[in-house]
Amino acid sequence: MYVGTLSFDLLLGDVRSLKEKRSVVRPIVAELQRKYAVSVAETGEQDLYRRAHIGLAAVSGDAGHLSDLLDRCERLVAGRPEVELLSVRRQFHGDDA
């Protein structure tokens, strides 16, 4: 069994309130959940309206599949024009990781 996590640090574009922040972050979280069936949530910076931290976790029986899945999730977030991806932290846990 392999467990992979991603932690995204995001700078949001033209956002002036926490309500506008939610309208940017929620669709990203929902798309990751829908498209890739991963566990994902906003995990930090809830009180800052131009910054967001999103955490993601996935489990797989195959290390290659999990690595590919994490790559696809990272590309999805990096490709969103309304956010700037400041950093990504990846952790991989498993039998031979």
N, C-alpha and C. Protein backbone atom coordinates (compact mmCIF):
# COMPACT_ATOMS: atom_id res chain seq x y z
N MET A 1 0.85 -1.18 0.00
CA MET A 1 0.00 0.00 0.00
C MET A 1 0.89 1.24 0.00
N TYR A 2 0.50 2.22 -0.79
CA TYR A 2 1.24 3.47 -0.91
C TYR A 2 0.29 4.63 -0.64
N VAL A 3 0.81 5.62 0.09
CA VAL A 3 0.05 6.83 0.41
C VAL A 3 0.86 8.02 -0.08
N GLY A 4 0.21 8.89 -0.85
CA GLY A 4 0.86 10.09 -1.33
C GLY A 4 0.09 11.32 -0.92
N THR A 5 0.83 12.37 -0.58
CA THR A 5 0.18 13.63 -0.21
C THR A 5 0.81 14.78 -0.99
N LEU A 6 0.01 15.77 -1.24
CA LEU A 6 0.47 17.03 -1.83
C LEU A 6 -0.02 18.17 -0.96
N SER A 7 0.81 19.16 -0.79
CA SER A 7 0.42 20.37 -0.08
C SER A 7 0.72 21.56 -0.99
N PHE A 8 -0.33 22.26 -1.40
CA PHE A 8 -0.20 23.38 -2.32
C PHE A 8 -0.25 24.70 -1.56
N ASP A 9 0.67 25.60 -1.86
CA ASP A 9 0.64 26.97 -1.35
C ASP A 9 0.28 27.86 -2.53
N LEU A 10 -0.87 28.52 -2.45
CA LEU A 10 -1.41 29.27 -3.58
C LEU A 10 -1.51 30.76 -3.27
N LEU A 11 -1.24 31.57 -4.28
CA LEU A 11 -1.53 32.99 -4.24
C LEU A 11 -2.69 33.22 -5.19
N LEU A 12 -3.77 33.79 -4.67
CA LEU A 12 -4.96 34.00 -5.48
C LEU A 12 -4.87 35.34 -6.19
N GLY A 13 -5.43 35.39 -7.38
CA GLY A 13 -5.36 36.60 -8.22
C GLY A 13 -6.19 37.74 -7.68
N ASP A 14 -7.14 38.20 -8.45
CA ASP A 14 -7.94 39.38 -8.14
C ASP A 14 -9.05 39.01 -7.15
N VAL A 15 -8.66 38.85 -5.89
CA VAL A 15 -9.60 38.46 -4.83
C VAL A 15 -9.55 39.54 -3.76
N ARG A 16 -10.73 40.04 -3.36
CA ARG A 16 -10.77 41.14 -2.40
C ARG A 16 -11.51 40.81 -1.11
N SER A 17 -11.98 39.57 -0.98
CA SER A 17 -12.70 39.21 0.24
C SER A 17 -12.61 37.70 0.45
N LEU A 18 -12.96 37.26 1.64
CA LEU A 18 -12.98 35.82 1.92
C LEU A 18 -14.06 35.12 1.11
N LYS A 19 -15.15 35.82 0.82
CA LYS A 19 -16.21 35.24 0.01
C LYS A 19 -15.71 34.98 -1.42
N GLU A 20 -14.99 35.92 -1.99
CA GLU A 20 -14.40 35.73 -3.32
C GLU A 20 -13.36 34.61 -3.28
N LYS A 21 -12.62 34.53 -2.18
CA LYS A 21 -11.63 33.46 -2.03
C LYS A 21 -12.32 32.10 -2.10
N ARG A 22 -13.42 31.94 -1.39
CA ARG A 22 -14.15 30.67 -1.41
C ARG A 22 -14.61 30.33 -2.82
N SER A 23 -14.99 31.35 -3.59
CA SER A 23 -15.47 31.10 -4.96
C SER A 23 -14.34 30.66 -5.89
N VAL A 24 -13.10 30.86 -5.49
CA VAL A 24 -11.95 30.38 -6.26
C VAL A 24 -11.49 29.01 -5.75
N VAL A 25 -11.41 28.85 -4.44
CA VAL A 25 -10.84 27.63 -3.85
C VAL A 25 -11.80 26.45 -3.96
N ARG A 26 -13.08 26.66 -3.70
CA ARG A 26 -14.03 25.55 -3.73
C ARG A 26 -14.09 24.82 -5.07
N PRO A 27 -14.11 25.52 -6.21
CA PRO A 27 -14.13 24.78 -7.48
C PRO A 27 -12.86 23.95 -7.72
N ILE A 28 -11.72 24.41 -7.24
CA ILE A 28 -10.48 23.64 -7.38
C ILE A 28 -10.59 22.36 -6.56
N VAL A 29 -11.01 22.49 -5.32
CA VAL A 29 -11.18 21.33 -4.44
C VAL A 29 -12.18 20.35 -5.04
N ALA A 30 -13.31 20.86 -5.51
CA ALA A 30 -14.36 20.00 -6.07
C ALA A 30 -13.88 19.28 -7.33
N GLU A 31 -13.14 19.98 -8.19
CA GLU A 31 -12.66 19.35 -9.42
C GLU A 31 -11.65 18.24 -9.12
N LEU A 32 -10.76 18.47 -8.17
CA LEU A 32 -9.80 17.42 -7.78
C LEU A 32 -10.53 16.20 -7.24
N GLN A 33 -11.54 16.42 -6.39
CA GLN A 33 -12.30 15.30 -5.84
C GLN A 33 -13.05 14.55 -6.93
N ARG A 34 -13.71 15.29 -7.82
CA ARG A 34 -14.52 14.67 -8.86
C ARG A 34 -13.67 13.95 -9.90
N LYS A 35 -12.63 14.60 -10.36
CA LYS A 35 -11.85 14.08 -11.47
C LYS A 35 -10.91 12.95 -11.06
N TYR A 36 -10.36 13.02 -9.85
CA TYR A 36 -9.34 12.06 -9.45
C TYR A 36 -9.68 11.23 -8.22
N ALA A 37 -10.82 11.43 -7.60
CA ALA A 37 -11.28 10.67 -6.43
C ALA A 37 -10.23 10.67 -5.32
N VAL A 38 -9.70 11.85 -5.01
CA VAL A 38 -8.73 12.00 -3.93
C VAL A 38 -9.39 12.74 -2.77
N SER A 39 -8.77 12.66 -1.62
CA SER A 39 -9.23 13.43 -0.46
C SER A 39 -8.51 14.77 -0.51
N VAL A 40 -9.27 15.85 -0.45
CA VAL A 40 -8.67 17.18 -0.58
C VAL A 40 -9.48 18.18 0.22
N ALA A 41 -8.77 19.16 0.81
CA ALA A 41 -9.42 20.20 1.60
C ALA A 41 -8.52 21.42 1.70
N GLU A 42 -9.14 22.56 1.96
CA GLU A 42 -8.36 23.75 2.29
C GLU A 42 -7.83 23.55 3.70
N THR A 43 -6.52 23.64 3.87
CA THR A 43 -5.91 23.25 5.14
C THR A 43 -5.23 24.39 5.88
N GLY A 44 -5.18 25.57 5.30
CA GLY A 44 -4.52 26.66 6.01
C GLY A 44 -4.80 28.00 5.36
N GLU A 45 -4.38 29.04 6.06
CA GLU A 45 -4.54 30.43 5.59
C GLU A 45 -6.00 30.80 5.37
N GLN A 46 -6.90 30.24 6.17
CA GLN A 46 -8.33 30.53 6.00
C GLN A 46 -8.67 32.00 6.26
N ASP A 47 -7.85 32.70 7.03
CA ASP A 47 -8.17 34.09 7.36
C ASP A 47 -7.54 35.10 6.40
N LEU A 48 -6.71 34.63 5.47
CA LEU A 48 -6.09 35.52 4.49
C LEU A 48 -6.80 35.34 3.15
N TYR A 49 -7.27 36.44 2.56
CA TYR A 49 -8.10 36.28 1.37
C TYR A 49 -7.31 36.11 0.07
N ARG A 50 -6.01 36.38 0.05
CA ARG A 50 -5.24 36.17 -1.19
C ARG A 50 -4.32 34.96 -1.13
N ARG A 51 -4.34 34.23 -0.03
CA ARG A 51 -3.49 33.04 0.09
C ARG A 51 -4.36 31.84 0.45
N ALA A 52 -3.91 30.66 0.02
CA ALA A 52 -4.63 29.43 0.36
C ALA A 52 -3.65 28.28 0.41
N HIS A 53 -3.89 27.38 1.32
CA HIS A 53 -3.17 26.11 1.38
C HIS A 53 -4.21 25.02 1.13
N ILE A 54 -3.90 24.12 0.22
CA ILE A 54 -4.77 22.99 -0.07
C ILE A 54 -3.97 21.72 0.15
N GLY A 55 -4.54 20.80 0.90
CA GLY A 55 -3.91 19.50 1.15
C GLY A 55 -4.66 18.41 0.42
N LEU A 56 -3.92 17.42 -0.07
CA LEU A 56 -4.49 16.35 -0.87
C LEU A 56 -3.84 15.04 -0.46
N ALA A 57 -4.63 13.97 -0.39
CA ALA A 57 -4.09 12.65 -0.07
C ALA A 57 -4.74 11.60 -0.96
N ALA A 58 -3.95 10.57 -1.31
CA ALA A 58 -4.45 9.47 -2.13
C ALA A 58 -3.76 8.18 -1.71
N VAL A 59 -4.45 7.07 -1.90
CA VAL A 59 -3.93 5.75 -1.55
C VAL A 59 -4.04 4.86 -2.77
N SER A 60 -3.00 4.02 -2.98
CA SER A 60 -3.01 3.10 -4.11
C SER A 60 -2.18 1.88 -3.79
N GLY A 61 -2.47 0.80 -4.47
CA GLY A 61 -1.68 -0.41 -4.32
C GLY A 61 -0.47 -0.43 -5.24
N ASP A 62 -0.38 0.55 -6.15
CA ASP A 62 0.70 0.59 -7.14
C ASP A 62 1.41 1.93 -7.05
N ALA A 63 2.72 1.91 -6.80
CA ALA A 63 3.49 3.14 -6.64
C ALA A 63 3.49 3.98 -7.91
N GLY A 64 3.60 3.37 -9.06
CA GLY A 64 3.62 4.10 -10.32
C GLY A 64 2.32 4.81 -10.58
N HIS A 65 1.21 4.12 -10.32
CA HIS A 65 -0.11 4.74 -10.49
C HIS A 65 -0.27 5.94 -9.58
N LEU A 66 0.15 5.80 -8.32
CA LEU A 66 0.02 6.88 -7.36
C LEU A 66 0.86 8.08 -7.77
N SER A 67 2.08 7.84 -8.22
CA SER A 67 2.95 8.93 -8.66
C SER A 67 2.33 9.66 -9.85
N ASP A 68 1.77 8.92 -10.79
CA ASP A 68 1.10 9.52 -11.95
C ASP A 68 -0.12 10.34 -11.52
N LEU A 69 -0.88 9.82 -10.59
CA LEU A 69 -2.06 10.52 -10.08
C LEU A 69 -1.67 11.85 -9.43
N LEU A 70 -0.63 11.83 -8.60
CA LEU A 70 -0.16 13.06 -7.95
C LEU A 70 0.34 14.07 -8.98
N ASP A 71 1.03 13.58 -10.01
CA ASP A 71 1.48 14.47 -11.08
C ASP A 71 0.30 15.15 -11.77
N ARG A 72 -0.75 14.38 -12.07
CA ARG A 72 -1.92 14.94 -12.75
C ARG A 72 -2.63 15.97 -11.87
N CYS A 73 -2.72 15.69 -10.58
CA CYS A 73 -3.34 16.65 -9.65
C CYS A 73 -2.53 17.94 -9.59
N GLU A 74 -1.22 17.81 -9.55
CA GLU A 74 -0.37 19.00 -9.51
C GLU A 74 -0.51 19.83 -10.79
N ARG A 75 -0.56 19.17 -11.93
CA ARG A 75 -0.73 19.89 -13.20
C ARG A 75 -2.07 20.60 -13.26
N LEU A 76 -3.12 19.98 -12.73
CA LEU A 76 -4.44 20.60 -12.73
C LEU A 76 -4.40 21.92 -11.95
N VAL A 77 -3.82 21.89 -10.74
CA VAL A 77 -3.77 23.10 -9.92
C VAL A 77 -2.85 24.14 -10.56
N ALA A 78 -1.71 23.72 -11.06
CA ALA A 78 -0.76 24.65 -11.68
C ALA A 78 -1.35 25.30 -12.93
N GLY A 79 -2.26 24.62 -13.60
CA GLY A 79 -2.84 25.13 -14.82
C GLY A 79 -4.01 26.07 -14.63
N ARG A 80 -4.44 26.25 -13.40
CA ARG A 80 -5.57 27.15 -13.15
C ARG A 80 -5.10 28.61 -13.29
N PRO A 81 -5.73 29.39 -14.18
CA PRO A 81 -5.25 30.76 -14.41
C PRO A 81 -5.55 31.72 -13.26
N GLU A 82 -6.50 31.39 -12.41
CA GLU A 82 -6.88 32.32 -11.34
C GLU A 82 -5.99 32.21 -10.09
N VAL A 83 -5.06 31.24 -10.09
CA VAL A 83 -4.14 31.10 -8.96
C VAL A 83 -2.71 31.00 -9.45
N GLU A 84 -1.80 31.41 -8.57
CA GLU A 84 -0.37 31.22 -8.83
C GLU A 84 0.12 30.18 -7.83
N LEU A 85 0.71 29.11 -8.33
CA LEU A 85 1.22 28.04 -7.48
C LEU A 85 2.59 28.46 -6.96
N LEU A 86 2.66 28.79 -5.66
CA LEU A 86 3.91 29.25 -5.07
C LEU A 86 4.83 28.08 -4.75
N SER A 87 4.26 27.00 -4.20
CA SER A 87 5.07 25.82 -3.88
C SER A 87 4.18 24.60 -3.75
N VAL A 88 4.81 23.45 -3.92
CA VAL A 88 4.14 22.17 -3.74
C VAL A 88 5.07 21.29 -2.91
N ARG A 89 4.50 20.68 -1.90
CA ARG A 89 5.27 19.73 -1.10
C ARG A 89 4.66 18.36 -1.31
N ARG A 90 5.47 17.41 -1.74
CA ARG A 90 5.01 16.05 -2.04
C ARG A 90 5.64 15.09 -1.04
N GLN A 91 4.80 14.21 -0.48
CA GLN A 91 5.30 13.15 0.38
C GLN A 91 4.74 11.83 -0.11
N PHE A 92 5.57 10.81 -0.03
CA PHE A 92 5.22 9.49 -0.55
C PHE A 92 5.61 8.48 0.52
N HIS A 93 4.64 7.69 0.96
CA HIS A 93 4.88 6.69 1.99
C HIS A 93 4.47 5.33 1.44
N GLY A 94 5.30 4.33 1.68
CA GLY A 94 4.94 3.01 1.21
C GLY A 94 5.97 1.98 1.60
N ASP A 95 5.75 0.77 1.12
CA ASP A 95 6.61 -0.35 1.47
C ASP A 95 8.05 -0.15 1.03
N ASP A 96 8.26 0.45 -0.14
CA ASP A 96 9.61 0.66 -0.62
C ASP A 96 9.92 2.12 -0.92
N ALA A 97 9.18 3.04 -0.25
CA ALA A 97 9.40 4.48 -0.48
C ALA A 97 10.37 5.04 0.54
